[in-house]
Amino acid sequence: MQQRLHYDPIERQREKQCAREQDERDLRAGVVSVGELNERNGFFSGIDFSHASIRRRRRIAA
């Protein structure tokens, strides 16, 4: 695998377009459903929240 030394926005645009085209082919072929595709491509899809917790900070009295 070739290591990239810098970010190329044009190449990234090409990669994203290829991914969109593959998603479209997968949808048409019935490989994935719209829901599965939305889940896979969602903003937080790469984050594992299974061990996350929400906590409230205690305010320190002044």
N, C-alpha and C. Protein backbone atom coordinates (compact mmCIF):
# COMPACT_ATOMS: atom_id res chain seq x y z
N MET A 1 0.84 -1.19 0.00
CA MET A 1 0.00 0.00 0.00
C MET A 1 0.88 1.24 0.00
N GLN A 2 0.58 2.17 -0.85
CA GLN A 2 1.36 3.38 -0.96
C GLN A 2 0.99 4.34 0.17
N GLN A 3 2.01 4.89 0.81
CA GLN A 3 1.78 5.84 1.89
C GLN A 3 1.66 7.25 1.31
N ARG A 4 0.65 7.97 1.78
CA ARG A 4 0.47 9.34 1.30
C ARG A 4 1.21 10.30 2.22
N LEU A 5 1.87 11.23 1.61
CA LEU A 5 2.64 12.20 2.39
C LEU A 5 1.92 13.52 2.54
N HIS A 6 0.86 13.73 1.76
CA HIS A 6 0.11 14.98 1.87
C HIS A 6 -1.34 14.75 1.45
N TYR A 7 -2.19 15.64 1.85
CA TYR A 7 -3.61 15.57 1.52
C TYR A 7 -3.85 16.21 0.16
N ASP A 8 -4.51 15.47 -0.71
CA ASP A 8 -4.82 15.96 -2.04
C ASP A 8 -6.34 16.08 -2.17
N PRO A 9 -6.88 17.29 -2.12
CA PRO A 9 -8.34 17.44 -2.17
C PRO A 9 -8.97 16.91 -3.46
N ILE A 10 -8.27 17.00 -4.55
CA ILE A 10 -8.79 16.49 -5.82
C ILE A 10 -8.91 14.96 -5.76
N GLU A 11 -7.86 14.32 -5.25
CA GLU A 11 -7.90 12.85 -5.11
C GLU A 11 -8.99 12.43 -4.12
N ARG A 12 -9.15 13.17 -3.05
CA ARG A 12 -10.20 12.85 -2.07
C ARG A 12 -11.58 12.98 -2.71
N GLN A 13 -11.76 13.99 -3.54
CA GLN A 13 -13.03 14.18 -4.24
C GLN A 13 -13.30 12.98 -5.15
N ARG A 14 -12.28 12.50 -5.83
CA ARG A 14 -12.43 11.32 -6.69
C ARG A 14 -12.82 10.09 -5.87
N GLU A 15 -12.16 9.91 -4.73
CA GLU A 15 -12.46 8.76 -3.85
C GLU A 15 -13.91 8.80 -3.38
N LYS A 16 -14.36 9.98 -2.97
CA LYS A 16 -15.73 10.12 -2.49
C LYS A 16 -16.73 9.86 -3.61
N GLN A 17 -16.43 10.32 -4.82
CA GLN A 17 -17.32 10.08 -5.95
C GLN A 17 -17.40 8.60 -6.27
N CYS A 18 -16.27 7.92 -6.22
CA CYS A 18 -16.26 6.47 -6.46
C CYS A 18 -17.10 5.75 -5.40
N ALA A 19 -16.99 6.19 -4.15
CA ALA A 19 -17.77 5.58 -3.08
C ALA A 19 -19.26 5.82 -3.29
N ARG A 20 -19.63 7.02 -3.73
CA ARG A 20 -21.04 7.31 -4.02
C ARG A 20 -21.56 6.41 -5.14
N GLU A 21 -20.76 6.26 -6.17
CA GLU A 21 -21.17 5.41 -7.30
C GLU A 21 -21.32 3.96 -6.86
N GLN A 22 -20.41 3.47 -6.01
CA GLN A 22 -20.51 2.11 -5.50
C GLN A 22 -21.76 1.96 -4.64
N ASP A 23 -22.05 2.95 -3.81
CA ASP A 23 -23.27 2.92 -2.99
C ASP A 23 -24.51 2.82 -3.87
N GLU A 24 -24.53 3.58 -4.95
CA GLU A 24 -25.67 3.56 -5.88
C GLU A 24 -25.82 2.18 -6.52
N ARG A 25 -24.70 1.58 -6.93
CA ARG A 25 -24.75 0.23 -7.51
C ARG A 25 -25.25 -0.78 -6.49
N ASP A 26 -24.76 -0.68 -5.25
CA ASP A 26 -25.19 -1.60 -4.20
C ASP A 26 -26.68 -1.47 -3.92
N LEU A 27 -27.20 -0.24 -3.93
CA LEU A 27 -28.63 -0.03 -3.72
C LEU A 27 -29.45 -0.67 -4.84
N ARG A 28 -29.04 -0.40 -6.06
CA ARG A 28 -29.77 -0.94 -7.21
C ARG A 28 -29.76 -2.47 -7.24
N ALA A 29 -28.64 -3.05 -6.81
CA ALA A 29 -28.50 -4.51 -6.84
C ALA A 29 -29.13 -5.18 -5.62
N GLY A 30 -29.58 -4.38 -4.67
CA GLY A 30 -30.19 -4.94 -3.47
C GLY A 30 -29.19 -5.47 -2.47
N VAL A 31 -27.93 -5.10 -2.62
CA VAL A 31 -26.89 -5.54 -1.70
C VAL A 31 -27.08 -4.90 -0.33
N VAL A 32 -27.53 -3.65 -0.32
CA VAL A 32 -27.81 -2.94 0.93
C VAL A 32 -29.16 -2.25 0.80
N SER A 33 -29.78 -2.00 1.95
CA SER A 33 -31.02 -1.23 1.96
C SER A 33 -30.67 0.24 2.19
N VAL A 34 -31.63 1.10 1.99
CA VAL A 34 -31.42 2.52 2.23
C VAL A 34 -31.03 2.74 3.69
N GLY A 35 -31.70 2.04 4.60
CA GLY A 35 -31.38 2.18 6.02
C GLY A 35 -29.96 1.75 6.35
N GLU A 36 -29.55 0.62 5.77
CA GLU A 36 -28.17 0.14 6.00
C GLU A 36 -27.15 1.12 5.45
N LEU A 37 -27.45 1.67 4.30
CA LEU A 37 -26.54 2.63 3.69
C LEU A 37 -26.45 3.90 4.53
N ASN A 38 -27.59 4.37 5.01
CA ASN A 38 -27.58 5.55 5.87
C ASN A 38 -26.80 5.30 7.16
N GLU A 39 -26.96 4.10 7.71
CA GLU A 39 -26.22 3.76 8.93
C GLU A 39 -24.72 3.70 8.66
N ARG A 40 -24.37 3.09 7.56
CA ARG A 40 -22.95 2.95 7.20
C ARG A 40 -22.29 4.29 6.89
N ASN A 41 -23.02 5.18 6.25
CA ASN A 41 -22.45 6.46 5.83
C ASN A 41 -22.76 7.61 6.77
N GLY A 42 -23.43 7.34 7.87
CA GLY A 42 -23.80 8.40 8.79
C GLY A 42 -22.60 9.09 9.41
N PHE A 43 -22.82 10.28 9.91
CA PHE A 43 -21.75 11.11 10.46
C PHE A 43 -21.00 10.40 11.59
N PHE A 44 -21.73 9.72 12.47
CA PHE A 44 -21.11 9.07 13.62
C PHE A 44 -20.92 7.57 13.41
N SER A 45 -20.98 7.10 12.18
CA SER A 45 -20.94 5.66 11.91
C SER A 45 -19.62 5.02 12.33
N GLY A 46 -18.55 5.76 12.34
CA GLY A 46 -17.25 5.19 12.69
C GLY A 46 -16.92 5.23 14.17
N ILE A 47 -17.84 5.70 14.99
CA ILE A 47 -17.57 5.85 16.42
C ILE A 47 -18.33 4.78 17.20
N ASP A 48 -17.63 4.10 18.08
CA ASP A 48 -18.26 3.09 18.93
C ASP A 48 -18.70 3.75 20.23
N PHE A 49 -20.01 3.92 20.39
CA PHE A 49 -20.55 4.56 21.58
C PHE A 49 -20.92 3.55 22.67
N SER A 50 -20.60 2.28 22.48
CA SER A 50 -21.04 1.26 23.43
C SER A 50 -20.47 1.43 24.83
N HIS A 51 -19.33 2.09 24.95
CA HIS A 51 -18.73 2.30 26.27
C HIS A 51 -18.76 3.77 26.69
N ALA A 52 -19.53 4.56 26.01
CA ALA A 52 -19.61 5.98 26.31
C ALA A 52 -20.56 6.24 27.47
N SER A 53 -20.32 7.32 28.16
CA SER A 53 -21.24 7.73 29.22
C SER A 53 -21.35 9.25 29.19
N ILE A 54 -22.46 9.71 29.67
CA ILE A 54 -22.70 11.15 29.75
C ILE A 54 -22.69 11.52 31.22
N ARG A 55 -21.87 12.45 31.55
CA ARG A 55 -21.73 12.84 32.95
C ARG A 55 -21.90 14.33 33.09
N ARG A 56 -22.38 14.71 34.23
CA ARG A 56 -22.54 16.12 34.53
C ARG A 56 -21.37 16.56 35.39
N ARG A 57 -20.81 17.70 35.06
CA ARG A 57 -19.72 18.24 35.84
C ARG A 57 -20.25 18.82 37.14
N ARG A 58 -19.52 18.64 38.18
CA ARG A 58 -19.87 19.29 39.44
C ARG A 58 -19.30 20.67 39.44
N ARG A 59 -20.09 21.59 39.86
CA ARG A 59 -19.61 22.97 39.96
C ARG A 59 -18.95 23.16 41.30
N ILE A 60 -17.83 23.78 41.29
CA ILE A 60 -17.11 24.06 42.52
C ILE A 60 -17.55 25.41 43.04
N ALA A 61 -18.00 25.43 44.28
CA ALA A 61 -18.48 26.68 44.88
C ALA A 61 -17.31 27.65 45.03
N ALA A 62 -17.56 28.88 44.70
CA ALA A 62 -16.51 29.88 44.77
C ALA A 62 -16.44 30.53 46.13
